[in-house]
């Protein structure tokens, strides 16, 4: 395996990881900000109140986007397996 192939695979892995995780992180941040805004407006200072909406939002997002997540992971895995014969061990 030459260094260019290894760098390219690593770059693709990082890009895929960021692409797969970013919708979950953005959803969590947005829901957290909305709940915090509601808590500050209503003067409710319950720390556990923001956990359930985040959990439901991320769970719903995973249910809706699970096919896209799995398809992206499978495509990357197939691509990595297809490069194994060209490595030349």
PDB file of N, CA and C in Angstrom:
ATOM      1  N   UNK A   1       0.855  -1.175   0.000  1.00  0.00           N
ATOM      2  CA  UNK A   1       0.000   0.000   0.000  1.00  0.00           C
ATOM      3  C   UNK A   1       0.896   1.230   0.000  1.00  0.00           C
ATOM      4  N   UNK A   2       0.701   2.059  -0.973  1.00  0.00           N
ATOM      5  CA  UNK A   2       1.476   3.285  -0.979  1.00  0.00           C
ATOM      6  C   UNK A   2       0.801   4.330  -0.093  1.00  0.00           C
ATOM      7  N   UNK A   3       1.545   5.367   0.197  1.00  0.00           N
ATOM      8  CA  UNK A   3       1.074   6.371   1.146  1.00  0.00           C
ATOM      9  C   UNK A   3      -0.126   7.152   0.606  1.00  0.00           C
ATOM     10  N   UNK A   4      -0.185   7.328  -0.710  1.00  0.00           N
ATOM     11  CA  UNK A   4      -1.303   8.080  -1.294  1.00  0.00           C
ATOM     12  C   UNK A   4      -2.630   7.346  -1.102  1.00  0.00           C
ATOM     13  N   UNK A   5      -2.600   6.031  -1.255  1.00  0.00           N
ATOM     14  CA  UNK A   5      -3.815   5.238  -1.064  1.00  0.00           C
ATOM     15  C   UNK A   5      -4.278   5.300   0.388  1.00  0.00           C
ATOM     16  N   UNK A   6      -3.332   5.193   1.308  1.00  0.00           N
ATOM     17  CA  UNK A   6      -3.679   5.245   2.725  1.00  0.00           C
ATOM     18  C   UNK A   6      -4.249   6.612   3.099  1.00  0.00           C
ATOM     19  N   UNK A   7      -3.647   7.663   2.588  1.00  0.00           N
ATOM     20  CA  UNK A   7      -4.135   9.008   2.884  1.00  0.00           C
ATOM     21  C   UNK A   7      -5.526   9.217   2.298  1.00  0.00           C
ATOM     22  N   UNK A   8      -5.742   8.733   1.087  1.00  0.00           N
ATOM     23  CA  UNK A   8      -7.052   8.879   0.452  1.00  0.00           C
ATOM     24  C   UNK A   8      -8.132   8.109   1.216  1.00  0.00           C
ATOM     25  N   UNK A   9      -7.827   6.893   1.666  1.00  0.00           N
ATOM     26  CA  UNK A   9      -8.801   6.123   2.449  1.00  0.00           C
ATOM     27  C   UNK A   9      -9.101   6.803   3.780  1.00  0.00           C
ATOM     28  N   UNK A  10      -8.058   7.335   4.413  1.00  0.00           N
ATOM     29  CA  UNK A  10      -8.259   8.040   5.679  1.00  0.00           C
ATOM     30  C   UNK A  10      -9.097   9.302   5.466  1.00  0.00           C
ATOM     31  N   UNK A  11      -8.831  10.027   4.384  1.00  0.00           N
ATOM     32  CA  UNK A  11      -9.598  11.236   4.085  1.00  0.00           C
ATOM     33  C   UNK A  11     -11.068  10.895   3.850  1.00  0.00           C
ATOM     34  N   UNK A  12     -11.315   9.817   3.105  1.00  0.00           N
ATOM     35  CA  UNK A  12     -12.694   9.400   2.854  1.00  0.00           C
ATOM     36  C   UNK A  12     -13.388   8.952   4.142  1.00  0.00           C
ATOM     37  N   UNK A  13     -12.644   8.275   5.015  1.00  0.00           N
ATOM     38  CA  UNK A  13     -13.226   7.826   6.280  1.00  0.00           C
ATOM     39  C   UNK A  13     -13.617   9.014   7.151  1.00  0.00           C
ATOM     40  N   UNK A  14     -12.747  10.009   7.232  1.00  0.00           N
ATOM     41  CA  UNK A  14     -13.055  11.193   8.039  1.00  0.00           C
ATOM     42  C   UNK A  14     -14.222  11.969   7.428  1.00  0.00           C
ATOM     43  N   UNK A  15     -14.223  12.108   6.106  1.00  0.00           N
ATOM     44  CA  UNK A  15     -15.315  12.815   5.435  1.00  0.00           C
ATOM     45  C   UNK A  15     -16.643  12.107   5.661  1.00  0.00           C
ATOM     46  N   UNK A  16     -16.653  10.791   5.533  1.00  0.00           N
ATOM     47  CA  UNK A  16     -17.885  10.031   5.773  1.00  0.00           C
ATOM     48  C   UNK A  16     -18.333  10.143   7.223  1.00  0.00           C
ATOM     49  N   UNK A  17     -17.390  10.084   8.148  1.00  0.00           N
ATOM     50  CA  UNK A  17     -17.746  10.193   9.561  1.00  0.00           C
ATOM     51  C   UNK A  17     -18.379  11.549   9.862  1.00  0.00           C
ATOM     52  N   UNK A  18     -17.792  12.610   9.336  1.00  0.00           N
ATOM     53  CA  UNK A  18     -18.361  13.940   9.555  1.00  0.00           C
ATOM     54  C   UNK A  18     -19.725  14.085   8.887  1.00  0.00           C
ATOM     55  N   UNK A  19     -19.862  13.514   7.708  1.00  0.00           N
ATOM     56  CA  UNK A  19     -21.123  13.599   6.982  1.00  0.00           C
ATOM     57  C   UNK A  19     -22.227  12.822   7.709  1.00  0.00           C
ATOM     58  N   UNK A  20     -21.888  11.711   8.333  1.00  0.00           N
ATOM     59  CA  UNK A  20     -22.887  10.896   9.019  1.00  0.00           C
ATOM     60  C   UNK A  20     -23.259  11.455  10.390  1.00  0.00           C
ATOM     61  N   UNK A  21     -22.315  12.088  11.054  1.00  0.00           N
ATOM     62  CA  UNK A  21     -22.552  12.565  12.413  1.00  0.00           C
ATOM     63  C   UNK A  21     -23.155  13.971  12.437  1.00  0.00           C
ATOM     64  N   UNK A  22     -22.889  14.768  11.416  1.00  0.00           N
ATOM     65  CA  UNK A  22     -23.320  16.168  11.454  1.00  0.00           C
ATOM     66  C   UNK A  22     -24.834  16.357  11.574  1.00  0.00           C
ATOM     67  N   UNK A  23     -25.693  15.593  10.896  1.00  0.00           N
ATOM     68  CA  UNK A  23     -27.133  15.811  11.117  1.00  0.00           C
ATOM     69  C   UNK A  23     -27.561  15.544  12.558  1.00  0.00           C
ATOM     70  N   UNK A  24     -26.956  14.558  13.183  1.00  0.00           N
ATOM     71  CA  UNK A  24     -27.296  14.239  14.570  1.00  0.00           C
ATOM     72  C   UNK A  24     -26.841  15.356  15.497  1.00  0.00           C
ATOM     73  N   UNK A  25     -25.619  15.846  15.288  1.00  0.00           N
ATOM     74  CA  UNK A  25     -25.111  16.921  16.136  1.00  0.00           C
ATOM     75  C   UNK A  25     -25.897  18.211  15.948  1.00  0.00           C
ATOM     76  N   UNK A  26     -26.207  18.540  14.700  1.00  0.00           N
ATOM     77  CA  UNK A  26     -26.957  19.769  14.434  1.00  0.00           C
ATOM     78  C   UNK A  26     -28.352  19.692  15.051  1.00  0.00           C
ATOM     79  N   UNK A  27     -29.000  18.535  14.936  1.00  0.00           N
ATOM     80  CA  UNK A  27     -30.324  18.357  15.540  1.00  0.00           C
ATOM     81  C   UNK A  27     -30.258  18.512  17.049  1.00  0.00           C
ATOM     82  N   UNK A  28     -29.255  17.915  17.668  1.00  0.00           N
ATOM     83  CA  UNK A  28     -29.102  18.010  19.120  1.00  0.00           C
ATOM     84  C   UNK A  28     -28.858  19.447  19.553  1.00  0.00           C
ATOM     85  N   UNK A  29     -28.026  20.164  18.812  1.00  0.00           N
ATOM     86  CA  UNK A  29     -27.733  21.556  19.158  1.00  0.00           C
ATOM     87  C   UNK A  29     -28.975  22.427  19.014  1.00  0.00           C
ATOM     88  N   UNK A  30     -29.708  22.259  17.920  1.00  0.00           N
ATOM     89  CA  UNK A  30     -30.902  23.081  17.694  1.00  0.00           C
ATOM     90  C   UNK A  30     -31.967  22.802  18.751  1.00  0.00           C
ATOM     91  N   UNK A  31     -32.217  21.540  19.035  1.00  0.00           N
ATOM     92  CA  UNK A  31     -33.219  21.200  20.055  1.00  0.00           C
ATOM     93  C   UNK A  31     -32.773  21.716  21.419  1.00  0.00           C
ATOM     94  N   UNK A  32     -31.500  21.585  21.734  1.00  0.00           N
ATOM     95  CA  UNK A  32     -30.990  22.093  23.005  1.00  0.00           C
ATOM     96  C   UNK A  32     -31.132  23.598  23.130  1.00  0.00           C
ATOM     97  N   UNK A  33     -30.850  24.319  22.039  1.00  0.00           N
ATOM     98  CA  UNK A  33     -31.003  25.777  22.073  1.00  0.00           C
ATOM     99  C   UNK A  33     -32.462  26.195  22.226  1.00  0.00           C
ATOM    100  N   UNK A  34     -33.355  25.510  21.525  1.00  0.00           N
ATOM    101  CA  UNK A  34     -34.783  25.840  21.634  1.00  0.00           C
ATOM    102  C   UNK A  34     -35.285  25.570  23.050  1.00  0.00           C
ATOM    103  N   UNK A  35     -34.929  24.442  23.611  1.00  0.00           N
ATOM    104  CA  UNK A  35     -35.362  24.111  24.975  1.00  0.00           C
ATOM    105  C   UNK A  35     -34.757  25.091  25.975  1.00  0.00           C
ATOM    106  N   UNK A  36     -33.499  25.466  25.788  1.00  0.00           N
ATOM    107  CA  UNK A  36     -32.873  26.438  26.689  1.00  0.00           C
ATOM    108  C   UNK A  36     -33.550  27.793  26.591  1.00  0.00           C
ATOM    109  N   UNK A  37     -33.928  28.186  25.380  1.00  0.00           N
ATOM    110  CA  UNK A  37     -34.640  29.452  25.203  1.00  0.00           C
ATOM    111  C   UNK A  37     -35.998  29.407  25.905  1.00  0.00           C
ATOM    112  N   UNK A  38     -36.705  28.301  25.742  1.00  0.00           N
ATOM    113  CA  UNK A  38     -38.003  28.151  26.412  1.00  0.00           C
ATOM    114  C   UNK A  38     -37.827  28.154  27.927  1.00  0.00           C
ATOM    115  N   UNK A  39     -36.785  27.497  28.422  1.00  0.00           N
ATOM    116  CA  UNK A  39     -36.536  27.471  29.862  1.00  0.00           C
ATOM    117  C   UNK A  39     -36.210  28.862  30.393  1.00  0.00           C
ATOM    118  N   UNK A  40     -35.439  29.631  29.632  1.00  0.00           N
ATOM    119  CA  UNK A  40     -35.085  30.963  30.122  1.00  0.00           C
ATOM    120  C   UNK A  40     -36.276  31.918  30.062  1.00  0.00           C
ATOM    121  N   UNK A  41     -37.145  31.761  29.073  1.00  0.00           N
ATOM    122  CA  UNK A  41     -38.325  32.624  28.978  1.00  0.00           C
ATOM    123  C   UNK A  41     -39.322  32.302  30.084  1.00  0.00           C
ATOM    124  N   UNK A  42     -39.504  31.029  30.378  1.00  0.00           N
ATOM    125  CA  UNK A  42     -40.484  30.625  31.391  1.00  0.00           C
ATOM    126  C   UNK A  42     -39.880  30.499  32.791  1.00  0.00           C
ATOM    127  N   UNK A  43     -38.598  30.753  32.926  1.00  0.00           N
ATOM    128  CA  UNK A  43     -37.882  30.677  34.212  1.00  0.00           C
ATOM    129  C   UNK A  43     -37.941  29.290  34.838  1.00  0.00           C
ATOM    130  N   UNK A  44     -38.008  28.271  34.012  1.00  0.00           N
ATOM    131  CA  UNK A  44     -37.932  26.890  34.493  1.00  0.00           C
ATOM    132  C   UNK A  44     -36.466  26.478  34.421  1.00  0.00           C
ATOM    133  N   UNK A  45     -35.907  26.093  35.548  1.00  0.00           N
ATOM    134  CA  UNK A  45     -34.487  25.744  35.591  1.00  0.00           C
ATOM    135  C   UNK A  45     -34.277  24.261  35.897  1.00  0.00           C
ATOM    136  N   UNK A  46     -35.058  23.426  35.286  1.00  0.00           N
ATOM    137  CA  UNK A  46     -34.924  21.981  35.460  1.00  0.00           C
ATOM    138  C   UNK A  46     -33.901  21.452  34.459  1.00  0.00           C
ATOM    139  N   UNK A  47     -32.831  20.844  34.942  1.00  0.00           N
ATOM    140  CA  UNK A  47     -31.745  20.383  34.082  1.00  0.00           C
ATOM    141  C   UNK A  47     -32.133  19.168  33.249  1.00  0.00           C
ATOM    142  N   UNK A  48     -33.013  18.343  33.762  1.00  0.00           N
ATOM    143  CA  UNK A  48     -33.377  17.120  33.041  1.00  0.00           C
ATOM    144  C   UNK A  48     -34.427  17.355  31.964  1.00  0.00           C
ATOM    145  N   UNK A  49     -34.991  18.547  31.893  1.00  0.00           N
ATOM    146  CA  UNK A  49     -36.049  18.838  30.929  1.00  0.00           C
ATOM    147  C   UNK A  49     -35.551  18.794  29.488  1.00  0.00           C
ATOM    148  N   UNK A  50     -34.297  19.129  29.257  1.00  0.00           N
ATOM    149  CA  UNK A  50     -33.790  19.174  27.878  1.00  0.00           C
ATOM    150  C   UNK A  50     -33.369  17.796  27.361  1.00  0.00           C
ATOM    151  N   UNK A  51     -33.275  16.818  28.236  1.00  0.00           N
ATOM    152  CA  UNK A  51     -32.789  15.507  27.804  1.00  0.00           C
ATOM    153  C   UNK A  51     -33.806  14.751  26.957  1.00  0.00           C
ATOM    154  N   UNK A  52     -35.050  14.707  27.377  1.00  0.00           N
ATOM    155  CA  UNK A  52     -36.074  13.933  26.661  1.00  0.00           C
ATOM    156  C   UNK A  52     -36.326  14.450  25.242  1.00  0.00           C
ATOM    157  N   UNK A  53     -36.483  15.764  25.026  1.00  0.00           N
ATOM    158  CA  UNK A  53     -36.671  16.219  23.638  1.00  0.00           C
ATOM    159  C   UNK A  53     -35.477  15.914  22.742  1.00  0.00           C
ATOM    160  N   UNK A  54     -34.270  16.029  23.281  1.00  0.00           N
ATOM    161  CA  UNK A  54     -33.083  15.679  22.490  1.00  0.00           C
ATOM    162  C   UNK A  54     -33.095  14.197  22.132  1.00  0.00           C
ATOM    163  N   UNK A  55     -33.456  13.378  23.095  1.00  0.00           N
ATOM    164  CA  UNK A  55     -33.503  11.937  22.863  1.00  0.00           C
ATOM    165  C   UNK A  55     -34.529  11.584  21.794  1.00  0.00           C
ATOM    166  N   UNK A  56     -35.709  12.173  21.875  1.00  0.00           N
ATOM    167  CA  UNK A  56     -36.746  11.897  20.881  1.00  0.00           C
ATOM    168  C   UNK A  56     -36.369  12.439  19.504  1.00  0.00           C
ATOM    169  N   UNK A  57     -35.747  13.617  19.459  1.00  0.00           N
ATOM    170  CA  UNK A  57     -35.352  14.200  18.175  1.00  0.00           C
ATOM    171  C   UNK A  57     -34.282  13.354  17.497  1.00  0.00           C
ATOM    172  N   UNK A  58     -33.287  12.934  18.254  1.00  0.00           N
ATOM    173  CA  UNK A  58     -32.221  12.105  17.678  1.00  0.00           C
ATOM    174  C   UNK A  58     -32.763  10.728  17.311  1.00  0.00           C
ATOM    175  N   UNK A  59     -33.618  10.165  18.142  1.00  0.00           N
ATOM    176  CA  UNK A  59     -34.227   8.875  17.813  1.00  0.00           C
ATOM    177  C   UNK A  59     -35.051   8.940  16.543  1.00  0.00           C
ATOM    178  N   UNK A  60     -35.852   9.987  16.406  1.00  0.00           N
ATOM    179  CA  UNK A  60     -36.634  10.161  15.184  1.00  0.00           C
ATOM    180  C   UNK A  60     -35.762  10.368  13.968  1.00  0.00           C
ATOM    181  N   UNK A  61     -34.704  11.141  14.132  1.00  0.00           N
ATOM    182  CA  UNK A  61     -33.774  11.362  13.027  1.00  0.00           C
ATOM    183  C   UNK A  61     -33.096  10.061  12.611  1.00  0.00           C
ATOM    184  N   UNK A  62     -32.727   9.241  13.576  1.00  0.00           N
ATOM    185  CA  UNK A  62     -32.104   7.957  13.250  1.00  0.00           C
ATOM    186  C   UNK A  62     -33.080   7.013  12.561  1.00  0.00           C
ATOM    187  N   UNK A  63     -34.331   7.046  12.978  1.00  0.00           N
ATOM    188  CA  UNK A  63     -35.333   6.199  12.318  1.00  0.00           C
ATOM    189  C   UNK A  63     -35.552   6.656  10.882  1.00  0.00           C
ATOM    190  N   UNK A  64     -35.676   7.962  10.693  1.00  0.00           N
ATOM    191  CA  UNK A  64     -35.918   8.496   9.347  1.00  0.00           C
ATOM    192  C   UNK A  64     -34.696   8.326   8.449  1.00  0.00           C
ATOM    193  N   UNK A  65     -33.510   8.596   8.991  1.00  0.00           N
ATOM    194  CA  UNK A  65     -32.313   8.587   8.158  1.00  0.00           C
ATOM    195  C   UNK A  65     -31.485   7.328   8.212  1.00  0.00           C
ATOM    196  N   UNK A  66     -32.015   6.268   8.800  1.00  0.00           N
ATOM    197  CA  UNK A  66     -31.205   5.058   8.952  1.00  0.00           C
ATOM    198  C   UNK A  66     -30.847   4.423   7.613  1.00  0.00           C
ATOM    199  N   UNK A  67     -31.738   4.490   6.641  1.00  0.00           N
ATOM    200  CA  UNK A  67     -31.412   3.892   5.339  1.00  0.00           C
ATOM    201  C   UNK A  67     -30.274   4.650   4.668  1.00  0.00           C
ATOM    202  N   UNK A  68     -30.289   5.976   4.760  1.00  0.00           N
ATOM    203  CA  UNK A  68     -29.204   6.774   4.188  1.00  0.00           C
ATOM    204  C   UNK A  68     -27.885   6.508   4.916  1.00  0.00           C
ATOM    205  N   UNK A  69     -27.952   6.419   6.242  1.00  0.00           N
ATOM    206  CA  UNK A  69     -26.749   6.144   7.024  1.00  0.00           C
ATOM    207  C   UNK A  69     -26.143   4.797   6.645  1.00  0.00           C
ATOM    208  N   UNK A  70     -26.981   3.776   6.575  1.00  0.00           N
ATOM    209  CA  UNK A  70     -26.477   2.443   6.255  1.00  0.00           C
ATOM    210  C   UNK A  70     -25.974   2.362   4.821  1.00  0.00           C
ATOM    211  N   UNK A  71     -26.658   3.020   3.899  1.00  0.00           N
ATOM    212  CA  UNK A  71     -26.237   3.004   2.501  1.00  0.00           C
ATOM    213  C   UNK A  71     -24.863   3.667   2.351  1.00  0.00           C
ATOM    214  N   UNK A  72     -24.659   4.778   3.045  1.00  0.00           N
ATOM    215  CA  UNK A  72     -23.373   5.467   2.981  1.00  0.00           C
ATOM    216  C   UNK A  72     -22.264   4.611   3.575  1.00  0.00           C
ATOM    217  N   UNK A  73     -22.535   3.985   4.712  1.00  0.00           N
ATOM    218  CA  UNK A  73     -21.534   3.116   5.336  1.00  0.00           C
ATOM    219  C   UNK A  73     -21.224   1.899   4.476  1.00  0.00           C
ATOM    220  N   UNK A  74     -22.257   1.312   3.876  1.00  0.00           N
ATOM    221  CA  UNK A  74     -22.031   0.139   3.023  1.00  0.00           C
ATOM    222  C   UNK A  74     -21.236   0.507   1.784  1.00  0.00           C
ATOM    223  N   UNK A  75     -21.538   1.650   1.167  1.00  0.00           N
ATOM    224  CA  UNK A  75     -20.786   2.067  -0.017  1.00  0.00           C
ATOM    225  C   UNK A  75     -19.315   2.285   0.307  1.00  0.00           C
ATOM    226  N   UNK A  76     -19.036   2.909   1.453  1.00  0.00           N
ATOM    227  CA  UNK A  76     -17.643   3.121   1.839  1.00  0.00           C
ATOM    228  C   UNK A  76     -16.952   1.794   2.138  1.00  0.00           C
ATOM    229  N   UNK A  77     -17.641   0.897   2.835  1.00  0.00           N
ATOM    230  CA  UNK A  77     -17.052  -0.401   3.154  1.00  0.00           C
ATOM    231  C   UNK A  77     -16.768  -1.207   1.897  1.00  0.00           C
ATOM    232  N   UNK A  78     -17.690  -1.200   0.948  1.00  0.00           N
ATOM    233  CA  UNK A  78     -17.468  -1.906  -0.319  1.00  0.00           C
ATOM    234  C   UNK A  78     -16.285  -1.307  -1.062  1.00  0.00           C
ATOM    235  N   UNK A  79     -16.180   0.014  -1.048  1.00  0.00           N
ATOM    236  CA  UNK A  79     -15.049   0.670  -1.713  1.00  0.00           C
ATOM    237  C   UNK A  79     -13.721   0.289  -1.066  1.00  0.00           C
ATOM    238  N   UNK A  80     -13.702   0.206   0.258  1.00  0.00           N
ATOM    239  CA  UNK A  80     -12.470  -0.190   0.955  1.00  0.00           C
ATOM    240  C   UNK A  80     -12.119  -1.635   0.627  1.00  0.00           C
ATOM    241  N   UNK A  81     -13.119  -2.520   0.626  1.00  0.00           N
ATOM    242  CA  UNK A  81     -12.858  -3.920   0.293  1.00  0.00           C
ATOM    243  C   UNK A  81     -12.403  -4.093  -1.147  1.00  0.00           C
ATOM    244  N   UNK A  82     -12.876  -3.245  -2.043  1.00  0.00           N
ATOM    245  CA  UNK A  82     -12.453  -3.340  -3.433  1.00  0.00           C
ATOM    246  C   UNK A  82     -11.026  -2.849  -3.638  1.00  0.00           C
ATOM    247  N   UNK A  83     -10.519  -2.030  -2.748  1.00  0.00           N
ATOM    248  CA  UNK A  83      -9.135  -1.569  -2.872  1.00  0.00           C
ATOM    249  C   UNK A  83      -8.140  -2.555  -2.269  1.00  0.00           C
ATOM    250  N   UNK A  84      -8.606  -3.529  -1.507  1.00  0.00           N
ATOM    251  CA  UNK A  84      -7.697  -4.496  -0.879  1.00  0.00           C
ATOM    252  C   UNK A  84      -6.882  -5.276  -1.904  1.00  0.00           C
ATOM    253  N   UNK A  85      -7.455  -5.775  -3.001  1.00  0.00           N
ATOM    254  CA  UNK A  85      -6.621  -6.512  -3.966  1.00  0.00           C
ATOM    255  C   UNK A  85      -5.530  -5.656  -4.613  1.00  0.00           C
ATOM    256  N   UNK A  86      -5.761  -4.372  -4.723  1.00  0.00           N
ATOM    257  CA  UNK A  86      -4.747  -3.517  -5.345  1.00  0.00           C
ATOM    258  C   UNK A  86      -3.620  -3.153  -4.392  1.00  0.00           C
ATOM    259  N   UNK A  87      -3.764  -3.512  -3.129  1.00  0.00           N
ATOM    260  CA  UNK A  87      -2.723  -3.196  -2.155  1.00  0.00           C
ATOM    261  C   UNK A  87      -1.485  -4.037  -2.417  1.00  0.00           C
ATOM    262  N   UNK A  88      -1.660  -5.299  -2.701  1.00  0.00           N
ATOM    263  CA  UNK A  88      -0.544  -6.175  -3.047  1.00  0.00           C
ATOM    264  C   UNK A  88       0.287  -6.638  -1.871  1.00  0.00           C
ATOM    265  N   UNK A  89      -0.317  -7.316  -0.926  1.00  0.00           N
ATOM    266  CA  UNK A  89       0.434  -7.861   0.208  1.00  0.00           C
ATOM    267  C   UNK A  89       1.291  -9.013  -0.229  1.00  0.00           C
TER     268      UNK A  89
END
